[in-house]
Amino acid sequence: MSDNENPTEDRRVDLGHGVFYSKCMWHGSWVAIHEWHRCASRVVPGIYGDGTTAGWIPFNIAAADEVTTGIGPRWEVVQFEPLTLSPSLQCRLCPHHGFIREDRWVPA
């Protein structure tokens, strides 16, 4: 079974503090993540049933150019494993703000 056949299977990485990410792949390359948190402005069950919603965080890498052209900011991948991005991530709808450093959420 491919990753796309069961979209409700939780393939998220737990970063702590109630924050998760899941990989977004494009033609076999890791080009972005979905960053999941409980958004104070969106009270919904979500696809995982835990009230988290996702924001799309595209990477500033050549492999992502095709899928991210013309789409707002892109994040620098300092390292893929464990994931570290720069700069910080901030929800546009609620006060959620922090950094992903070495597969951990660091609140700002």
N, C-alpha and C. Protein backbone atom coordinates (compact mmCIF):
# COMPACT_ATOMS: atom_id res chain seq x y z
N MET A 1 0.85 -1.18 0.00
CA MET A 1 0.00 0.00 0.00
C MET A 1 0.89 1.24 0.00
N SER A 2 0.56 2.23 -0.83
CA SER A 2 1.33 3.47 -0.87
C SER A 2 0.89 4.40 0.26
N ASP A 3 1.70 5.42 0.51
CA ASP A 3 1.38 6.39 1.57
C ASP A 3 0.05 7.09 1.32
N ASN A 4 -0.34 7.22 0.06
CA ASN A 4 -1.55 7.96 -0.27
C ASN A 4 -2.82 7.14 -0.14
N GLU A 5 -2.73 5.84 0.02
CA GLU A 5 -3.93 5.00 0.07
C GLU A 5 -4.66 5.08 1.40
N ASN A 6 -3.99 5.45 2.47
CA ASN A 6 -4.64 5.57 3.77
C ASN A 6 -4.28 6.91 4.39
N PRO A 7 -4.96 8.00 3.95
CA PRO A 7 -4.56 9.33 4.43
C PRO A 7 -4.82 9.56 5.91
N THR A 8 -5.63 8.72 6.56
CA THR A 8 -5.89 8.95 7.98
C THR A 8 -4.87 8.24 8.87
N GLU A 9 -3.99 7.42 8.30
CA GLU A 9 -2.95 6.80 9.12
C GLU A 9 -1.98 7.90 9.55
N ASP A 10 -1.72 7.97 10.83
CA ASP A 10 -0.90 9.05 11.37
C ASP A 10 0.57 8.80 11.09
N ARG A 11 1.11 9.55 10.17
CA ARG A 11 2.54 9.46 9.81
C ARG A 11 3.28 10.70 10.28
N ARG A 12 2.74 11.36 11.28
CA ARG A 12 3.34 12.59 11.77
C ARG A 12 4.48 12.31 12.73
N VAL A 13 5.41 13.24 12.77
CA VAL A 13 6.51 13.22 13.73
C VAL A 13 6.12 14.14 14.87
N ASP A 14 6.16 13.62 16.09
CA ASP A 14 5.81 14.39 17.28
C ASP A 14 6.99 15.26 17.68
N LEU A 15 6.80 16.58 17.64
CA LEU A 15 7.86 17.52 17.99
C LEU A 15 7.80 17.97 19.45
N GLY A 16 6.75 17.54 20.17
CA GLY A 16 6.53 18.01 21.53
C GLY A 16 5.67 19.26 21.54
N HIS A 17 5.16 19.62 22.70
CA HIS A 17 4.32 20.81 22.88
C HIS A 17 3.04 20.75 22.04
N GLY A 18 2.59 19.54 21.69
CA GLY A 18 1.38 19.40 20.89
C GLY A 18 1.55 19.75 19.43
N VAL A 19 2.79 19.74 18.96
CA VAL A 19 3.10 20.10 17.57
C VAL A 19 3.67 18.87 16.87
N PHE A 20 3.28 18.69 15.60
CA PHE A 20 3.72 17.57 14.79
C PHE A 20 4.07 18.08 13.40
N TYR A 21 4.80 17.26 12.64
CA TYR A 21 4.94 17.53 11.21
C TYR A 21 4.78 16.24 10.45
N SER A 22 4.38 16.39 9.20
CA SER A 22 4.34 15.25 8.27
C SER A 22 5.03 15.70 6.99
N LYS A 23 5.70 14.76 6.35
CA LYS A 23 6.45 15.05 5.14
C LYS A 23 5.52 15.25 3.95
N CYS A 24 5.88 16.18 3.08
CA CYS A 24 5.21 16.39 1.80
C CYS A 24 6.23 16.06 0.71
N MET A 25 5.90 15.05 -0.07
CA MET A 25 6.82 14.58 -1.10
C MET A 25 6.34 15.01 -2.48
N TRP A 26 7.29 15.24 -3.39
CA TRP A 26 6.97 15.59 -4.77
C TRP A 26 7.98 14.88 -5.66
N HIS A 27 7.50 13.94 -6.46
CA HIS A 27 8.35 13.16 -7.36
C HIS A 27 9.53 12.53 -6.60
N GLY A 28 9.26 12.01 -5.42
CA GLY A 28 10.27 11.32 -4.64
C GLY A 28 11.17 12.20 -3.80
N SER A 29 10.99 13.51 -3.85
CA SER A 29 11.81 14.43 -3.05
C SER A 29 10.97 15.04 -1.94
N TRP A 30 11.59 15.21 -0.79
CA TRP A 30 10.94 15.85 0.36
C TRP A 30 11.03 17.35 0.13
N VAL A 31 9.89 18.00 -0.16
CA VAL A 31 9.88 19.40 -0.57
C VAL A 31 9.21 20.35 0.42
N ALA A 32 8.50 19.81 1.41
CA ALA A 32 7.76 20.64 2.36
C ALA A 32 7.30 19.77 3.52
N ILE A 33 6.71 20.43 4.51
CA ILE A 33 6.04 19.70 5.58
C ILE A 33 4.66 20.31 5.79
N HIS A 34 3.81 19.52 6.42
CA HIS A 34 2.62 20.06 7.05
C HIS A 34 2.97 20.15 8.53
N GLU A 35 2.81 21.33 9.10
CA GLU A 35 3.04 21.53 10.54
C GLU A 35 1.67 21.55 11.19
N TRP A 36 1.47 20.65 12.17
CA TRP A 36 0.17 20.43 12.81
C TRP A 36 0.18 20.98 14.23
N HIS A 37 -0.86 21.72 14.60
CA HIS A 37 -1.04 22.18 15.98
C HIS A 37 -2.52 22.46 16.20
N ARG A 38 -2.90 22.59 17.45
CA ARG A 38 -4.28 22.99 17.79
C ARG A 38 -4.38 24.49 17.62
N CYS A 39 -5.06 24.90 16.58
CA CYS A 39 -5.19 26.33 16.29
C CYS A 39 -6.36 26.88 17.09
N ALA A 40 -6.09 27.90 17.88
CA ALA A 40 -7.12 28.50 18.72
C ALA A 40 -8.24 29.11 17.89
N SER A 41 -7.97 29.42 16.62
CA SER A 41 -8.99 30.01 15.76
C SER A 41 -9.78 28.99 14.96
N ARG A 42 -9.34 27.73 14.97
CA ARG A 42 -10.01 26.68 14.21
C ARG A 42 -10.29 25.49 15.13
N VAL A 43 -11.44 25.46 15.70
CA VAL A 43 -11.79 24.34 16.57
C VAL A 43 -12.51 23.30 15.71
N VAL A 44 -11.74 22.33 15.23
CA VAL A 44 -12.26 21.27 14.36
C VAL A 44 -11.64 19.95 14.79
N PRO A 45 -12.30 18.84 14.49
CA PRO A 45 -11.72 17.55 14.86
C PRO A 45 -10.45 17.22 14.08
N GLY A 46 -10.34 17.69 12.83
CA GLY A 46 -9.16 17.39 12.01
C GLY A 46 -9.18 15.96 11.51
N ILE A 47 -8.31 15.65 10.54
CA ILE A 47 -8.33 14.30 9.95
C ILE A 47 -7.83 13.25 10.93
N TYR A 48 -7.08 13.64 11.94
CA TYR A 48 -6.60 12.68 12.93
C TYR A 48 -7.51 12.61 14.15
N GLY A 49 -8.56 13.45 14.18
CA GLY A 49 -9.50 13.42 15.28
C GLY A 49 -8.99 14.02 16.57
N ASP A 50 -7.85 14.71 16.51
CA ASP A 50 -7.27 15.27 17.74
C ASP A 50 -7.32 16.79 17.77
N GLY A 51 -8.05 17.40 16.84
CA GLY A 51 -8.21 18.85 16.84
C GLY A 51 -7.07 19.62 16.23
N THR A 52 -6.08 18.93 15.67
CA THR A 52 -4.97 19.64 15.05
C THR A 52 -5.29 19.96 13.60
N THR A 53 -4.79 21.09 13.14
CA THR A 53 -4.90 21.47 11.74
C THR A 53 -3.50 21.76 11.21
N ALA A 54 -3.35 21.71 9.90
CA ALA A 54 -2.02 21.80 9.31
C ALA A 54 -1.81 23.10 8.55
N GLY A 55 -0.57 23.57 8.61
CA GLY A 55 -0.10 24.65 7.76
C GLY A 55 0.98 24.09 6.86
N TRP A 56 1.00 24.53 5.61
CA TRP A 56 1.97 24.03 4.64
C TRP A 56 3.23 24.86 4.70
N ILE A 57 4.38 24.21 4.91
CA ILE A 57 5.66 24.88 5.05
C ILE A 57 6.59 24.38 3.93
N PRO A 58 6.67 25.12 2.80
CA PRO A 58 7.52 24.70 1.68
C PRO A 58 9.00 25.01 1.94
N PHE A 59 9.86 24.15 1.42
CA PHE A 59 11.30 24.31 1.60
C PHE A 59 11.90 25.16 0.47
N ASN A 60 12.97 25.84 0.78
CA ASN A 60 13.72 26.64 -0.19
C ASN A 60 14.84 25.77 -0.78
N ILE A 61 14.44 24.78 -1.57
CA ILE A 61 15.40 23.88 -2.21
C ILE A 61 15.01 23.71 -3.67
N ALA A 62 15.96 23.37 -4.51
CA ALA A 62 15.70 23.24 -5.94
C ALA A 62 14.60 22.24 -6.24
N ALA A 63 14.55 21.12 -5.53
CA ALA A 63 13.54 20.09 -5.78
C ALA A 63 12.12 20.60 -5.56
N ALA A 64 11.98 21.68 -4.79
CA ALA A 64 10.65 22.22 -4.48
C ALA A 64 10.23 23.31 -5.45
N ASP A 65 11.11 23.74 -6.33
CA ASP A 65 10.81 24.88 -7.20
C ASP A 65 9.51 24.70 -7.99
N GLU A 66 9.31 23.54 -8.58
CA GLU A 66 8.13 23.30 -9.42
C GLU A 66 6.83 23.43 -8.63
N VAL A 67 6.81 22.92 -7.43
CA VAL A 67 5.58 22.90 -6.64
C VAL A 67 5.38 24.17 -5.82
N THR A 68 6.42 24.98 -5.63
CA THR A 68 6.29 26.15 -4.76
C THR A 68 6.44 27.49 -5.49
N THR A 69 6.62 27.47 -6.80
CA THR A 69 6.78 28.72 -7.54
C THR A 69 5.60 29.64 -7.32
N GLY A 70 5.88 30.87 -6.94
CA GLY A 70 4.84 31.87 -6.74
C GLY A 70 4.09 31.75 -5.43
N ILE A 71 4.53 30.87 -4.55
CA ILE A 71 3.84 30.67 -3.27
C ILE A 71 4.68 31.26 -2.16
N GLY A 72 4.28 32.39 -1.64
CA GLY A 72 4.84 33.02 -0.45
C GLY A 72 6.22 32.59 -0.02
N PRO A 73 6.49 32.70 1.28
CA PRO A 73 7.83 32.38 1.80
C PRO A 73 8.12 30.89 1.76
N ARG A 74 9.41 30.59 1.72
CA ARG A 74 9.88 29.21 1.81
C ARG A 74 10.94 29.16 2.92
N TRP A 75 11.04 28.00 3.56
CA TRP A 75 11.93 27.86 4.71
C TRP A 75 13.22 27.15 4.32
N GLU A 76 14.32 27.64 4.90
CA GLU A 76 15.62 27.01 4.70
C GLU A 76 15.69 25.74 5.52
N VAL A 77 16.15 24.67 4.89
CA VAL A 77 16.38 23.42 5.59
C VAL A 77 17.83 23.45 6.07
N VAL A 78 18.02 23.62 7.37
CA VAL A 78 19.35 23.61 7.95
C VAL A 78 19.87 22.18 7.93
N GLN A 79 18.99 21.24 8.28
CA GLN A 79 19.29 19.81 8.15
C GLN A 79 17.98 19.05 8.07
N PHE A 80 18.00 17.94 7.30
CA PHE A 80 16.80 17.12 7.14
C PHE A 80 16.61 16.15 8.30
N GLU A 81 17.68 15.55 8.78
CA GLU A 81 17.57 14.54 9.83
C GLU A 81 18.56 14.84 10.95
N PRO A 82 18.11 15.14 12.14
CA PRO A 82 16.75 15.49 12.51
C PRO A 82 16.40 16.87 11.94
N LEU A 83 15.14 17.06 11.61
CA LEU A 83 14.71 18.25 10.90
C LEU A 83 14.97 19.53 11.70
N THR A 84 15.61 20.48 11.02
CA THR A 84 15.83 21.83 11.56
C THR A 84 15.54 22.81 10.43
N LEU A 85 14.62 23.76 10.68
CA LEU A 85 14.24 24.76 9.70
C LEU A 85 14.56 26.16 10.21
N SER A 86 14.71 27.08 9.27
CA SER A 86 14.91 28.48 9.61
C SER A 86 14.15 29.31 8.59
N PRO A 87 13.50 30.37 8.98
CA PRO A 87 13.34 30.91 10.32
C PRO A 87 12.21 30.20 11.07
N SER A 88 11.65 30.90 12.06
CA SER A 88 10.57 30.35 12.88
C SER A 88 9.30 30.20 12.06
N LEU A 89 8.33 29.47 12.63
CA LEU A 89 7.02 29.30 12.04
C LEU A 89 6.00 29.99 12.93
N GLN A 90 5.09 30.73 12.31
CA GLN A 90 4.06 31.40 13.08
C GLN A 90 2.73 31.24 12.38
N CYS A 91 1.73 30.78 13.12
CA CYS A 91 0.38 30.61 12.59
C CYS A 91 -0.19 31.99 12.27
N ARG A 92 -0.88 32.09 11.15
CA ARG A 92 -1.50 33.36 10.76
C ARG A 92 -2.82 33.60 11.49
N LEU A 93 -3.34 32.57 12.17
CA LEU A 93 -4.65 32.67 12.79
C LEU A 93 -4.64 32.71 14.31
N CYS A 94 -3.55 32.27 14.93
CA CYS A 94 -3.49 32.23 16.40
C CYS A 94 -2.06 32.56 16.86
N PRO A 95 -1.83 32.66 18.16
CA PRO A 95 -0.50 33.05 18.66
C PRO A 95 0.59 31.97 18.55
N HIS A 96 0.27 30.79 18.01
CA HIS A 96 1.25 29.69 17.89
C HIS A 96 2.48 30.16 17.11
N HIS A 97 3.66 30.06 17.74
CA HIS A 97 4.89 30.56 17.13
C HIS A 97 6.08 29.82 17.73
N GLY A 98 6.99 29.35 16.89
CA GLY A 98 8.17 28.67 17.39
C GLY A 98 9.08 28.19 16.28
N PHE A 99 10.04 27.39 16.67
CA PHE A 99 11.07 26.89 15.77
C PHE A 99 11.03 25.36 15.74
N ILE A 100 11.42 24.78 14.61
CA ILE A 100 11.68 23.35 14.54
C ILE A 100 13.19 23.20 14.53
N ARG A 101 13.69 22.60 15.61
CA ARG A 101 15.13 22.39 15.76
C ARG A 101 15.37 20.96 16.20
N GLU A 102 16.08 20.21 15.35
CA GLU A 102 16.44 18.82 15.63
C GLU A 102 15.22 17.99 16.04
N ASP A 103 14.17 18.06 15.21
CA ASP A 103 12.91 17.32 15.45
C ASP A 103 12.24 17.65 16.77
N ARG A 104 12.43 18.87 17.25
CA ARG A 104 11.77 19.33 18.49
C ARG A 104 11.15 20.70 18.21
N TRP A 105 10.01 20.96 18.86
CA TRP A 105 9.38 22.28 18.78
C TRP A 105 9.93 23.14 19.91
N VAL A 106 10.44 24.31 19.55
CA VAL A 106 10.98 25.25 20.53
C VAL A 106 10.08 26.50 20.46
N PRO A 107 9.21 26.70 21.47
CA PRO A 107 8.33 27.86 21.43
C PRO A 107 9.11 29.17 21.40
N ALA A 108 8.59 30.12 20.66
CA ALA A 108 9.27 31.43 20.56
C ALA A 108 8.77 32.34 21.66
